[in-house]
């Protein structure tokens, strides 16, 4: 979980596989923690039919 990662730590994740819906795919995601409860990330994914990319933020909180 993002809240378990020390502040200002980054990550990089790569995946490749096969899906019954889209066939073979590859995905790359990387991100960084800016503060204890706030992180940013970007991703790119490609399969046989389409390619997509995006970016976002993650905000974590506890109850």
Protein backbone atom coordinates (compact mmCIF):
# COMPACT_ATOMS: atom_id res chain seq x y z
CA UNK A 1 0.00 0.00 0.00
CA UNK A 2 1.22 3.50 -0.79
CA UNK A 3 1.01 4.63 2.85
CA UNK A 4 3.63 1.99 3.80
CA UNK A 5 6.25 3.43 1.42
CA UNK A 6 8.69 5.99 2.92
CA UNK A 7 8.26 9.62 1.81
CA UNK A 8 10.00 10.56 -1.48
CA UNK A 9 10.42 6.99 -2.58
CA UNK A 10 9.81 6.09 -6.19
CA UNK A 11 8.83 2.90 -7.93
CA UNK A 12 8.87 1.37 -11.38
CA UNK A 13 6.70 -1.58 -12.36
CA UNK A 14 6.64 -3.49 -15.65
CA UNK A 15 4.14 -6.16 -16.68
CA UNK A 16 3.65 -8.32 -19.74
CA UNK A 17 1.06 -10.98 -20.27
CA UNK A 18 -1.92 -12.21 -22.21
CA UNK A 19 -5.60 -11.48 -21.77
CA UNK A 20 -8.53 -13.37 -23.25
CA UNK A 21 -10.12 -10.03 -24.19
CA UNK A 22 -7.20 -8.05 -25.64
CA UNK A 23 -4.49 -10.63 -26.39
CA UNK A 24 -0.86 -9.93 -25.53
CA UNK A 25 -0.15 -6.73 -23.60
CA UNK A 26 2.67 -4.78 -21.98
CA UNK A 27 2.35 -2.16 -19.23
CA UNK A 28 4.87 0.19 -17.59
CA UNK A 29 4.11 2.34 -14.54
CA UNK A 30 6.32 4.61 -12.48
CA UNK A 31 5.61 6.97 -9.63
CA UNK A 32 6.95 8.91 -6.70
CA UNK A 33 5.80 9.89 -3.21
CA UNK A 34 5.74 13.64 -2.67
CA UNK A 35 4.46 13.55 0.91
CA UNK A 36 3.39 10.84 3.34
CA UNK A 37 -0.14 10.69 1.92
CA UNK A 38 0.37 12.05 -1.63
CA UNK A 39 1.95 10.42 -4.68
CA UNK A 40 2.04 10.91 -8.44
CA UNK A 41 2.29 8.27 -11.16
CA UNK A 42 2.34 7.81 -14.91
CA UNK A 43 1.68 4.74 -17.03
CA UNK A 44 1.77 3.43 -20.58
CA UNK A 45 0.05 0.30 -21.83
CA UNK A 46 -0.11 -1.36 -25.22
CA UNK A 47 -1.97 -4.37 -26.57
CA UNK A 48 -2.74 -5.69 -30.03
CA UNK A 49 -5.66 -3.28 -30.54
CA UNK A 50 -4.73 -0.05 -28.76
CA UNK A 51 -2.17 2.00 -26.91
CA UNK A 52 -2.82 4.29 -23.98
CA UNK A 53 -0.95 6.47 -21.53
CA UNK A 54 -1.92 8.56 -18.55
CA UNK A 55 -0.92 10.22 -15.31
CA UNK A 56 -2.57 10.66 -11.96
CA UNK A 57 -2.26 11.34 -8.27
CA UNK A 58 -2.86 9.07 -5.31
CA UNK A 59 -4.08 10.42 -2.00
CA UNK A 60 -4.25 8.01 0.93
CA UNK A 61 -6.05 8.50 4.21
CA UNK A 62 -7.02 6.51 7.23
CA UNK A 63 -10.24 6.43 9.18
